[in-house]
C-alpha atoms as a PDB file:
ATOM      1  CA  MET A   1       6.624  -0.961  58.187  1.00  0.00           C
ATOM      2  CA  PHE A   2       6.006  -3.296  55.314  1.00  0.00           C
ATOM      3  CA  ILE A   3       3.744  -5.264  56.689  1.00  0.00           C
ATOM      4  CA  SER A   4       1.337  -2.092  57.060  1.00  0.00           C
ATOM      5  CA  LEU A   5       2.482  -1.433  53.404  1.00  0.00           C
ATOM      6  CA  PHE A   6       1.412  -4.857  52.193  1.00  0.00           C
ATOM      7  CA  ALA A   7      -1.957  -5.032  54.222  1.00  0.00           C
ATOM      8  CA  THR A   8      -2.935  -1.859  52.491  1.00  0.00           C
ATOM      9  CA  ILE A   9      -2.307  -3.196  48.997  1.00  0.00           C
ATOM     10  CA  GLY A  10      -4.165  -6.272  49.917  1.00  0.00           C
ATOM     11  CA  ALA A  11      -6.903  -4.605  51.040  1.00  0.00           C
ATOM     12  CA  ALA A  12      -7.089  -2.278  47.860  1.00  0.00           C
ATOM     13  CA  THR A  13      -7.006  -5.017  45.456  1.00  0.00           C
ATOM     14  CA  THR A  14      -9.763  -7.061  47.249  1.00  0.00           C
ATOM     15  CA  GLU A  15     -12.447  -4.422  46.541  1.00  0.00           C
ATOM     16  CA  PRO A  16     -14.831  -5.168  43.848  1.00  0.00           C
ATOM     17  CA  ASN A  17     -14.420  -3.759  40.770  1.00  0.00           C
ATOM     18  CA  SER A  18     -17.819  -1.993  39.599  1.00  0.00           C
ATOM     19  CA  GLY A  19     -16.338  -1.818  35.698  1.00  0.00           C
ATOM     20  CA  GLY A  20     -16.615  -5.197  34.928  1.00  0.00           C
ATOM     21  CA  GLY A  21     -13.779  -7.282  32.845  1.00  0.00           C
ATOM     22  CA  ILE A  22     -15.717  -6.477  29.682  1.00  0.00           C
ATOM     23  CA  LEU A  23     -15.127  -3.046  29.923  1.00  0.00           C
ATOM     24  CA  SER A  24     -11.731  -3.054  30.518  1.00  0.00           C
ATOM     25  CA  ILE A  25     -10.937  -4.784  27.426  1.00  0.00           C
ATOM     26  CA  LEU A  26     -13.068  -2.645  25.340  1.00  0.00           C
ATOM     27  CA  PRO A  27     -10.163  -0.409  24.589  1.00  0.00           C
ATOM     28  CA  LEU A  28      -7.881  -2.659  23.628  1.00  0.00           C
ATOM     29  CA  VAL A  29     -10.269  -4.063  21.054  1.00  0.00           C
ATOM     30  CA  LEU A  30     -11.169  -0.581  19.866  1.00  0.00           C
ATOM     31  CA  ILE A  31      -7.124  -0.038  19.496  1.00  0.00           C
ATOM     32  CA  PHE A  32      -6.522  -3.187  17.521  1.00  0.00           C
ATOM     33  CA  GLY A  33      -9.810  -2.213  15.457  1.00  0.00           C
ATOM     34  CA  ALA A  34      -8.737   1.072  14.581  1.00  0.00           C
ATOM     35  CA  MET A  35      -5.042   0.150  13.370  1.00  0.00           C
ATOM     36  CA  TYR A  36      -7.026  -2.851  11.295  1.00  0.00           C
ATOM     37  CA  PHE A  37      -8.760  -0.389   9.176  1.00  0.00           C
ATOM     38  CA  LEU A  38      -5.981   2.276   9.369  1.00  0.00           C
ATOM     39  CA  LEU A  39      -3.009   0.477   8.551  1.00  0.00           C
ATOM     40  CA  LEU A  40      -3.373  -2.935   7.806  1.00  0.00           C
ATOM     41  CA  ARG A  41      -6.523  -3.006   5.605  1.00  0.00           C
ATOM     42  CA  PRO A  42      -5.069  -0.321   3.259  1.00  0.00           C
ATOM     43  CA  GLN A  43      -1.739  -1.693   2.680  1.00  0.00           C
ATOM     44  CA  ARG A  44      -3.597  -5.218   1.625  1.00  0.00           C
ATOM     45  CA  LYS A  45      -5.544  -2.975  -0.646  1.00  0.00           C
ATOM     46  CA  ARG A  46      -2.103  -1.768  -2.272  1.00  0.00           C
ATOM     47  CA  GLN A  47      -0.551  -4.936  -2.595  1.00  0.00           C
ATOM     48  CA  LYS A  48      -3.238  -6.373  -4.029  1.00  0.00           C
ATOM     49  CA  GLU A  49      -3.606  -3.359  -6.697  1.00  0.00           C
ATOM     50  CA  THR A  50       0.076  -3.843  -7.638  1.00  0.00           C
ATOM     51  CA  ARG A  51      -0.029  -7.632  -7.807  1.00  0.00           C
ATOM     52  CA  SER A  52      -2.865  -7.103 -10.348  1.00  0.00           C
ATOM     53  CA  LEU A  53      -0.692  -4.253 -12.304  1.00  0.00           C
ATOM     54  CA  GLN A  54       2.340  -6.793 -12.447  1.00  0.00           C
ATOM     55  CA  SER A  55       0.329  -9.655 -13.837  1.00  0.00           C
ATOM     56  CA  ALA A  56      -1.584  -7.348 -16.692  1.00  0.00           C
ATOM     57  CA  LEU A  57       1.616  -6.117 -17.961  1.00  0.00           C
ATOM     58  CA  GLN A  58       1.930  -6.575 -21.856  1.00  0.00           C
ATOM     59  CA  GLU A  59       4.503  -5.898 -24.087  1.00  0.00           C
ATOM     60  CA  GLY A  60       4.315  -2.256 -25.236  1.00  0.00           C
ATOM     61  CA  ASP A  61       3.408  -0.857 -22.270  1.00  0.00           C
ATOM     62  CA  GLU A  62       4.634   2.309 -20.856  1.00  0.00           C
ATOM     63  CA  VAL A  63       6.016   1.733 -17.155  1.00  0.00           C
ATOM     64  CA  ILE A  64       7.940   3.619 -14.488  1.00  0.00           C
ATOM     65  CA  LEU A  65       9.939   2.343 -12.147  1.00  0.00           C
ATOM     66  CA  ALA A  66      10.078   2.650  -8.378  1.00  0.00           C
ATOM     67  CA  SER A  67      13.665   4.556  -9.288  1.00  0.00           C
ATOM     68  CA  GLY A  68      11.535   6.945 -11.337  1.00  0.00           C
ATOM     69  CA  ILE A  69      13.022   5.508 -14.984  1.00  0.00           C
ATOM     70  CA  TYR A  70      10.452   5.401 -17.735  1.00  0.00           C
ATOM     71  CA  GLY A  71      10.326   2.896 -20.316  1.00  0.00           C
ATOM     72  CA  PHE A  72       8.619   0.633 -22.813  1.00  0.00           C
ATOM     73  CA  ILE A  73       8.430  -3.155 -22.124  1.00  0.00           C
ATOM     74  CA  SER A  74      10.058  -4.686 -24.935  1.00  0.00           C
ATOM     75  CA  ALA A  75       9.721  -8.119 -23.645  1.00  0.00           C
ATOM     76  CA  ILE A  76       8.536 -10.357 -20.464  1.00  0.00           C
ATOM     77  CA  GLU A  77      10.011 -13.106 -19.057  1.00  0.00           C
ATOM     78  CA  ASP A  78       9.487 -15.297 -15.670  1.00  0.00           C
ATOM     79  CA  GLY A  79      10.202 -12.494 -13.336  1.00  0.00           C
ATOM     80  CA  TYR A  80      11.972  -9.964 -14.914  1.00  0.00           C
ATOM     81  CA  VAL A  81      11.122  -7.287 -17.869  1.00  0.00           C
ATOM     82  CA  TRP A  82      13.206  -6.119 -20.596  1.00  0.00           C
ATOM     83  CA  LEU A  83      12.731  -2.101 -21.073  1.00  0.00           C
ATOM     84  CA  ASP A  84      13.578   0.283 -23.839  1.00  0.00           C
ATOM     85  CA  ILE A  85      14.695   3.254 -21.841  1.00  0.00           C
ATOM     86  CA  ALA A  86      16.174   5.096 -25.079  1.00  0.00           C
ATOM     87  CA  GLU A  87      17.262   4.118 -28.342  1.00  0.00           C
ATOM     88  CA  LYS A  88      19.086   1.219 -28.189  1.00  0.00           C
ATOM     89  CA  VAL A  89      19.297   1.054 -24.561  1.00  0.00           C
ATOM     90  CA  GLU A  90      17.486  -1.659 -23.213  1.00  0.00           C
ATOM     91  CA  ILE A  91      17.772  -2.379 -19.510  1.00  0.00           C
ATOM     92  CA  ARG A  92      16.175  -5.892 -17.396  1.00  0.00           C
ATOM     93  CA  VAL A  93      14.239  -5.052 -14.418  1.00  0.00           C
ATOM     94  CA  ALA A  94      12.573  -7.261 -11.811  1.00  0.00           C
ATOM     95  CA  ARG A  95       8.689  -7.161 -12.216  1.00  0.00           C
ATOM     96  CA  SER A  96       8.523  -5.910  -8.812  1.00  0.00           C
ATOM     97  CA  ALA A  97      10.617  -2.857  -9.301  1.00  0.00           C
ATOM     98  CA  ILE A  98       7.687  -1.244 -11.516  1.00  0.00           C
ATOM     99  CA  ALA A  99       5.584   0.876  -9.928  1.00  0.00           C
ATOM    100  CA  THR A 100       3.005   2.319 -12.163  1.00  0.00           C
ATOM    101  CA  LYS A 101       1.539   2.042 -15.620  1.00  0.00           C
ATOM    102  CA  VAL A 102       1.656   5.296 -17.444  1.00  0.00           C
ATOM    103  CA  SER A 103      -1.865   6.135 -18.724  1.00  0.00           C
ATOM    104  CA  THR A 104      -2.300   7.504 -22.407  1.00  0.00           C
ATOM    105  CA  PRO A 105      -4.713  10.047 -22.890  1.00  0.00           C
ATOM    106  CA  SER A 106      -7.788   8.744 -24.781  1.00  0.00           C
ATOM    107  CA  SER A 107      -8.714   9.854 -28.182  1.00  0.00           C
ATOM    108  CA  THR A 108     -11.590  11.991 -26.671  1.00  0.00           C
ATOM    109  CA  ASP A 109      -9.496  13.844 -24.070  1.00  0.00           C
ATOM    110  CA  GLN A 110      -6.985  14.708 -26.897  1.00  0.00           C
ATOM    111  CA  SER A 111      -9.469  15.830 -29.262  1.00  0.00           C
ATOM    112  CA  SER A 112     -10.978  18.394 -26.270  1.00  0.00           C
ATOM    113  CA  SER A 113      -7.223  19.662 -25.632  1.00  0.00           C
ATOM    114  CA  ASP A 114      -6.871  20.265 -29.434  1.00  0.00           C
ATOM    115  CA  LYS A 115     -10.447  22.218 -29.320  1.00  0.00           C
ATOM    116  CA  ASN A 116      -9.420  24.351 -26.208  1.00  0.00           C
ATOM    117  CA  ASP A 117      -5.829  24.873 -27.925  1.00  0.00           C
ATOM    118  CA  LYS A 118      -7.494  26.706 -31.187  1.00  0.00           C
ATOM    119  CA  LYS A 119      -9.316  29.022 -29.166  1.00  0.00           C
END
């Protein structure tokens, strides 16, 4: 009984594969390519943007921490930043804790919004 089973398996594996070796690897290559473009590439882009943001910080910038705290940068040390979060309240945080820089509206945006308010 076992001998006939092994003979059947052996006969099935000796038949030539009509698909070829390259076509059997193609789905794996496509999966890795999709993972690169959907996962790895955007993550690297975000890391590059974060690195450039953290290196461009200056005193007086308004920032938002990853925890959601808003503050103004009062001093910058090697790996740390001092933030003024309220009057006479200053905290020291790691540079990596800064999530975004708050953009203040430009003078042209303010003047157009003032005109809309007057109407």
